[in-house]
C-alpha atoms as a PDB file:
ATOM      1  CA  MET A   1     -24.672   4.560  -4.406  1.00  0.00           C
ATOM      2  CA  PHE A   2     -21.940   7.075  -3.636  1.00  0.00           C
ATOM      3  CA  VAL A   3     -19.016   7.109  -6.408  1.00  0.00           C
ATOM      4  CA  SER A   4     -16.122   8.983  -5.909  1.00  0.00           C
ATOM      5  CA  THR A   5     -14.795  11.585  -8.537  1.00  0.00           C
ATOM      6  CA  GLY A   6     -11.594   9.904  -9.188  1.00  0.00           C
ATOM      7  CA  PHE A   7     -13.356   6.436  -9.621  1.00  0.00           C
ATOM      8  CA  ALA A   8     -15.779   8.125 -11.894  1.00  0.00           C
ATOM      9  CA  SER A   9     -12.627   9.601 -13.980  1.00  0.00           C
ATOM     10  CA  ARG A  10     -11.037   6.417 -14.077  1.00  0.00           C
ATOM     11  CA  LEU A  11     -14.127   4.627 -15.477  1.00  0.00           C
ATOM     12  CA  PHE A  12     -14.760   7.197 -18.151  1.00  0.00           C
ATOM     13  CA  THR A  13     -11.116   6.975 -19.077  1.00  0.00           C
ATOM     14  CA  ALA A  14     -11.335   3.443 -19.244  1.00  0.00           C
ATOM     15  CA  ALA A  15     -14.054   3.647 -21.204  1.00  0.00           C
ATOM     16  CA  MET A  16     -12.616   5.989 -24.077  1.00  0.00           C
ATOM     17  CA  LEU A  17      -9.624   3.697 -24.188  1.00  0.00           C
ATOM     18  CA  LEU A  18     -11.960   0.779 -24.996  1.00  0.00           C
ATOM     19  CA  ALA A  19     -13.912   2.552 -27.482  1.00  0.00           C
ATOM     20  CA  LEU A  20     -10.972   3.985 -29.101  1.00  0.00           C
ATOM     21  CA  ALA A  21      -9.236   0.022 -29.334  1.00  0.00           C
ATOM     22  CA  ALA A  22     -12.411  -0.809 -30.815  1.00  0.00           C
ATOM     23  CA  CYS A  23     -12.014   1.692 -33.848  1.00  0.00           C
ATOM     24  CA  SER A  24      -8.322   0.520 -34.169  1.00  0.00           C
ATOM     25  CA  THR A  25      -7.311  -0.497 -37.940  1.00  0.00           C
ATOM     26  CA  THR A  26      -4.581  -2.610 -36.819  1.00  0.00           C
ATOM     27  CA  ASP A  27      -4.582  -6.147 -37.680  1.00  0.00           C
ATOM     28  CA  ILE A  28      -4.787  -7.926 -34.576  1.00  0.00           C
ATOM     29  CA  ALA A  29      -3.692 -11.401 -36.307  1.00  0.00           C
ATOM     30  CA  SER A  30      -0.478  -9.540 -36.964  1.00  0.00           C
ATOM     31  CA  VAL A  31       0.473  -7.730 -33.479  1.00  0.00           C
ATOM     32  CA  GLU A  32       2.764 -10.285 -31.643  1.00  0.00           C
ATOM     33  CA  GLU A  33       2.370 -10.180 -28.155  1.00  0.00           C
ATOM     34  CA  PRO A  34       5.049 -11.431 -25.771  1.00  0.00           C
ATOM     35  CA  PRO A  35       4.541 -14.954 -24.411  1.00  0.00           C
ATOM     36  CA  ALA A  36       2.694 -15.392 -21.403  1.00  0.00           C
ATOM     37  CA  ALA A  37       4.294 -17.100 -18.034  1.00  0.00           C
ATOM     38  CA  PRO A  38       2.367 -20.011 -17.979  1.00  0.00           C
ATOM     39  CA  MET A  39      -0.261 -20.277 -15.120  1.00  0.00           C
ATOM     40  CA  THR A  40      -0.205 -23.630 -13.027  1.00  0.00           C
ATOM     41  CA  GLY A  41      -3.175 -22.972 -10.986  1.00  0.00           C
ATOM     42  CA  GLN A  42      -0.723 -22.428  -8.014  1.00  0.00           C
ATOM     43  CA  THR A  43      -1.180 -19.496  -5.503  1.00  0.00           C
ATOM     44  CA  ASN A  44       2.107 -18.181  -6.041  1.00  0.00           C
ATOM     45  CA  ASP A  45       1.588 -17.780 -10.155  1.00  0.00           C
ATOM     46  CA  PRO A  46       2.676 -14.491 -11.247  1.00  0.00           C
ATOM     47  CA  ALA A  47      -0.334 -12.182 -11.710  1.00  0.00           C
ATOM     48  CA  PRO A  48      -1.174 -11.413 -15.202  1.00  0.00           C
ATOM     49  CA  GLY A  49       1.093  -8.415 -16.547  1.00  0.00           C
ATOM     50  CA  PHE A  50       3.634  -8.745 -13.132  1.00  0.00           C
ATOM     51  CA  GLU A  51       5.256 -11.723 -14.689  1.00  0.00           C
ATOM     52  CA  THR A  52       8.686  -9.443 -14.951  1.00  0.00           C
ATOM     53  CA  VAL A  53       8.533  -7.853 -11.353  1.00  0.00           C
ATOM     54  CA  SER A  54      12.134  -7.871 -10.244  1.00  0.00           C
ATOM     55  CA  ALA A  55      12.795  -9.468  -7.092  1.00  0.00           C
ATOM     56  CA  GLY A  56      13.779  -6.473  -4.492  1.00  0.00           C
ATOM     57  CA  SER A  57      11.997  -3.714  -6.067  1.00  0.00           C
ATOM     58  CA  GLU A  58       9.248  -1.497  -5.000  1.00  0.00           C
ATOM     59  CA  GLU A  59       6.906  -3.608  -7.192  1.00  0.00           C
ATOM     60  CA  ASP A  60       8.091  -6.575  -5.121  1.00  0.00           C
ATOM     61  CA  PHE A  61       7.772  -4.935  -1.876  1.00  0.00           C
ATOM     62  CA  ILE A  62       4.042  -3.828  -2.724  1.00  0.00           C
ATOM     63  CA  LEU A  63       2.693  -6.729  -4.257  1.00  0.00           C
ATOM     64  CA  ASN A  64       4.543  -9.707  -2.296  1.00  0.00           C
ATOM     65  CA  VAL A  65       4.719  -8.476   1.009  1.00  0.00           C
ATOM     66  CA  GLY A  66       2.119  -5.457   1.402  1.00  0.00           C
ATOM     67  CA  ARG A  67       2.542  -1.791   2.714  1.00  0.00           C
ATOM     68  CA  ARG A  68      -0.614  -1.158   4.822  1.00  0.00           C
ATOM     69  CA  ILE A  69      -1.486  -2.033   8.319  1.00  0.00           C
ATOM     70  CA  TYR A  70      -5.090  -1.395   9.655  1.00  0.00           C
ATOM     71  CA  PHE A  71      -5.851  -0.400  13.267  1.00  0.00           C
ATOM     72  CA  ALA A  72      -9.059  -0.693  15.255  1.00  0.00           C
ATOM     73  CA  GLN A  73     -11.177   2.802  16.230  1.00  0.00           C
ATOM     74  CA  ASP A  74      -9.300   4.779  18.634  1.00  0.00           C
ATOM     75  CA  SER A  75      -6.393   2.099  18.861  1.00  0.00           C
ATOM     76  CA  ALA A  76      -2.595   2.130  17.987  1.00  0.00           C
ATOM     77  CA  ARG A  77      -2.528  -1.527  19.130  1.00  0.00           C
ATOM     78  CA  LEU A  78      -0.921  -3.876  16.441  1.00  0.00           C
ATOM     79  CA  ASP A  79      -3.050  -6.955  15.982  1.00  0.00           C
ATOM     80  CA  SER A  80      -2.098 -10.489  14.437  1.00  0.00           C
ATOM     81  CA  VAL A  81      -2.615  -9.388  10.912  1.00  0.00           C
ATOM     82  CA  ALA A  82      -0.708  -6.293  11.296  1.00  0.00           C
ATOM     83  CA  MET A  83       2.010  -8.090  12.854  1.00  0.00           C
ATOM     84  CA  ALA A  84       1.947 -10.860  10.341  1.00  0.00           C
ATOM     85  CA  THR A  85       2.159  -7.893   7.917  1.00  0.00           C
ATOM     86  CA  LEU A  86       5.146  -6.452   9.506  1.00  0.00           C
ATOM     87  CA  ASP A  87       6.768  -9.776   9.601  1.00  0.00           C
ATOM     88  CA  SER A  88       7.284  -9.867   5.970  1.00  0.00           C
ATOM     89  CA  GLN A  89       8.181  -6.463   5.826  1.00  0.00           C
ATOM     90  CA  ALA A  90      10.809  -7.038   8.290  1.00  0.00           C
ATOM     91  CA  ALA A  91      12.016 -10.710   6.434  1.00  0.00           C
ATOM     92  CA  TRP A  92      11.853  -8.374   2.866  1.00  0.00           C
ATOM     93  CA  LEU A  93      13.680  -5.651   4.130  1.00  0.00           C
ATOM     94  CA  ALA A  94      16.682  -7.908   5.944  1.00  0.00           C
ATOM     95  CA  ARG A  95      16.987  -9.382   2.113  1.00  0.00           C
ATOM     96  CA  ASN A  96      17.181  -5.855   0.613  1.00  0.00           C
ATOM     97  CA  PRO A  97      19.330  -3.704   3.239  1.00  0.00           C
ATOM     98  CA  ASN A  98      19.205  -0.941   0.319  1.00  0.00           C
ATOM     99  CA  TRP A  99      16.089   0.596   1.048  1.00  0.00           C
ATOM    100  CA  LEU A 100      14.701   2.996   3.261  1.00  0.00           C
ATOM    101  CA  ILE A 101      11.384   3.273   4.610  1.00  0.00           C
ATOM    102  CA  LYS A 102       9.018   6.149   5.668  1.00  0.00           C
ATOM    103  CA  LEU A 103       6.283   4.636   7.773  1.00  0.00           C
ATOM    104  CA  GLN A 104       2.961   7.040   7.416  1.00  0.00           C
ATOM    105  CA  GLY A 105       0.444   6.776  10.125  1.00  0.00           C
ATOM    106  CA  PHE A 106      -3.233   7.920   9.394  1.00  0.00           C
ATOM    107  CA  ALA A 107      -6.433   8.409  11.702  1.00  0.00           C
ATOM    108  CA  ASP A 108     -10.026   8.690  10.984  1.00  0.00           C
ATOM    109  CA  ASP A 109     -11.248   8.576  14.607  1.00  0.00           C
ATOM    110  CA  SER A 110     -13.448  10.222  17.038  1.00  0.00           C
ATOM    111  CA  GLY A 111     -11.957  13.496  18.713  1.00  0.00           C
ATOM    112  CA  SER A 112     -10.041  16.674  17.700  1.00  0.00           C
ATOM    113  CA  GLU A 113      -7.931  17.107  14.833  1.00  0.00           C
ATOM    114  CA  ALA A 114      -5.078  17.292  17.424  1.00  0.00           C
ATOM    115  CA  LYS A 115      -6.092  13.726  18.751  1.00  0.00           C
ATOM    116  CA  MET A 116      -6.246  12.255  15.161  1.00  0.00           C
ATOM    117  CA  LYS A 117      -2.817  13.673  14.409  1.00  0.00           C
ATOM    118  CA  THR A 118      -1.407  12.076  17.864  1.00  0.00           C
ATOM    119  CA  LEU A 119      -3.324   8.852  17.279  1.00  0.00           C
ATOM    120  CA  SER A 120      -1.497   8.341  13.720  1.00  0.00           C
ATOM    121  CA  GLN A 121       1.893   9.046  15.098  1.00  0.00           C
ATOM    122  CA  GLN A 122       1.421   6.721  17.805  1.00  0.00           C
ATOM    123  CA  ARG A 123       0.493   3.985  15.106  1.00  0.00           C
ATOM    124  CA  ALA A 124       3.331   4.685  12.906  1.00  0.00           C
ATOM    125  CA  ASP A 125       5.444   4.642  15.900  1.00  0.00           C
ATOM    126  CA  ALA A 126       4.226   1.414  16.914  1.00  0.00           C
ATOM    127  CA  ALA A 127       4.811  -0.100  13.533  1.00  0.00           C
ATOM    128  CA  MET A 128       8.632   1.308  13.766  1.00  0.00           C
ATOM    129  CA  ALA A 129       8.796  -0.180  17.041  1.00  0.00           C
ATOM    130  CA  TYR A 130       7.636  -3.700  15.990  1.00  0.00           C
ATOM    131  CA  LEU A 131       9.905  -3.561  12.792  1.00  0.00           C
ATOM    132  CA  VAL A 132      13.269  -2.875  15.346  1.00  0.00           C
ATOM    133  CA  SER A 133      12.142  -5.535  17.379  1.00  0.00           C
ATOM    134  CA  LYS A 134      12.346  -7.580  14.356  1.00  0.00           C
ATOM    135  CA  GLY A 135      15.957  -6.661  13.551  1.00  0.00           C
ATOM    136  CA  VAL A 136      15.374  -3.566  10.976  1.00  0.00           C
ATOM    137  CA  ASP A 137      17.669  -1.134  12.011  1.00  0.00           C
ATOM    138  CA  ALA A 138      15.779   2.042  13.591  1.00  0.00           C
ATOM    139  CA  ARG A 139      18.419   4.349  11.526  1.00  0.00           C
ATOM    140  CA  ARG A 140      16.549   2.881   8.041  1.00  0.00           C
ATOM    141  CA  MET A 141      13.049   4.063   9.287  1.00  0.00           C
ATOM    142  CA  TRP A 142      11.430   7.264   9.890  1.00  0.00           C
ATOM    143  CA  ALA A 143       8.024   7.531  11.146  1.00  0.00           C
ATOM    144  CA  LYS A 144       5.491  10.840  11.151  1.00  0.00           C
ATOM    145  CA  GLY A 145       1.732  11.273  11.469  1.00  0.00           C
ATOM    146  CA  TYR A 146      -0.812  12.746   9.101  1.00  0.00           C
ATOM    147  CA  GLY A 147      -4.315  12.774  11.072  1.00  0.00           C
ATOM    148  CA  ASN A 148      -7.123  12.565   8.936  1.00  0.00           C
ATOM    149  CA  ASP A 149      -5.090  14.397   6.193  1.00  0.00           C
ATOM    150  CA  ARG A 150      -4.858  12.057   3.166  1.00  0.00           C
ATOM    151  CA  GLU A 151      -7.888   9.928   3.569  1.00  0.00           C
ATOM    152  CA  VAL A 152      -8.443   6.830   1.056  1.00  0.00           C
ATOM    153  CA  ARG A 153     -12.363   7.428   1.286  1.00  0.00           C
ATOM    154  CA  ASP A 154     -14.529   9.988   2.521  1.00  0.00           C
ATOM    155  CA  CYS A 155     -17.290   7.965   4.356  1.00  0.00           C
ATOM    156  CA  THR A 156     -19.051   7.524   7.789  1.00  0.00           C
ATOM    157  CA  GLU A 157     -19.830   3.912   7.608  1.00  0.00           C
ATOM    158  CA  ARG A 158     -17.810   2.084   9.657  1.00  0.00           C
ATOM    159  CA  SER A 159     -16.534  -0.550   7.176  1.00  0.00           C
ATOM    160  CA  CYS A 160     -15.124   2.284   5.169  1.00  0.00           C
ATOM    161  CA  LYS A 161     -13.280   4.445   7.580  1.00  0.00           C
ATOM    162  CA  VAL A 162     -11.323   1.480   8.669  1.00  0.00           C
ATOM    163  CA  GLN A 163      -9.414   1.907   5.712  1.00  0.00           C
ATOM    164  CA  ASN A 164      -8.449   5.552   6.871  1.00  0.00           C
ATOM    165  CA  ARG A 165      -6.912   3.963   9.784  1.00  0.00           C
ATOM    166  CA  ARG A 166      -3.316   2.983   8.724  1.00  0.00           C
ATOM    167  CA  VAL A 167       0.007   2.796   8.463  1.00  0.00           C
ATOM    168  CA  VAL A 168       1.463   2.743   5.228  1.00  0.00           C
ATOM    169  CA  THR A 169       5.162   1.561   4.539  1.00  0.00           C
ATOM    170  CA  ASN A 170       6.890   3.677   1.582  1.00  0.00           C
ATOM    171  CA  LEU A 171      10.305   2.405   0.329  1.00  0.00           C
ATOM    172  CA  ARG A 172      12.601   5.294   0.074  1.00  0.00           C
ATOM    173  CA  ALA A 173      16.158   5.380  -1.518  1.00  0.00           C
ATOM    174  CA  GLN A 174      17.211   8.140   0.786  1.00  0.00           C
ATOM    175  CA  ARG A 175      15.997   9.773   3.566  1.00  0.00           C
ATOM    176  CA  ASP A 176      13.175  12.801   3.243  1.00  0.00           C
ATOM    177  CA  GLU A 177      11.700  15.130   5.200  1.00  0.00           C
ATOM    178  CA  VAL A 178       9.788  13.725   8.162  1.00  0.00           C
END
């Protein structure tokens, strides 16, 4: 089984923190924790630890809207799942007009590095065009294709490679370099 070094490092860190917590001499009964939000068993219950996420914040966008869309191999066509995510992004951006967005396209497909760079730009441009069609001002957005740079996972299986065929919507307070 393949385990990435980043995952192994996080796993080791978590194990060390648990070991340190077990050695603590603090009387657990004397430590007061803030009351947790009541769980009602409903789909929209806040996730534990995220009860205080502010509406309109970057955390709100990531947790409640979603910032990634995915593509079929060698394609920049938006499927129904990608369009649903972009619809949610457009609605959120309409409610939060102070945010700008950078659309970052990525590719992990067949072909040359130049082809992947072009395809990743086409993916970012497709997402931007769709958001414009849903009423988001084009001046609030910019798109950049990165090709196969910044892979989520380095792998050969089809089910894994699809994670690298994506556009990520990143919120910005001000425009940065494309």
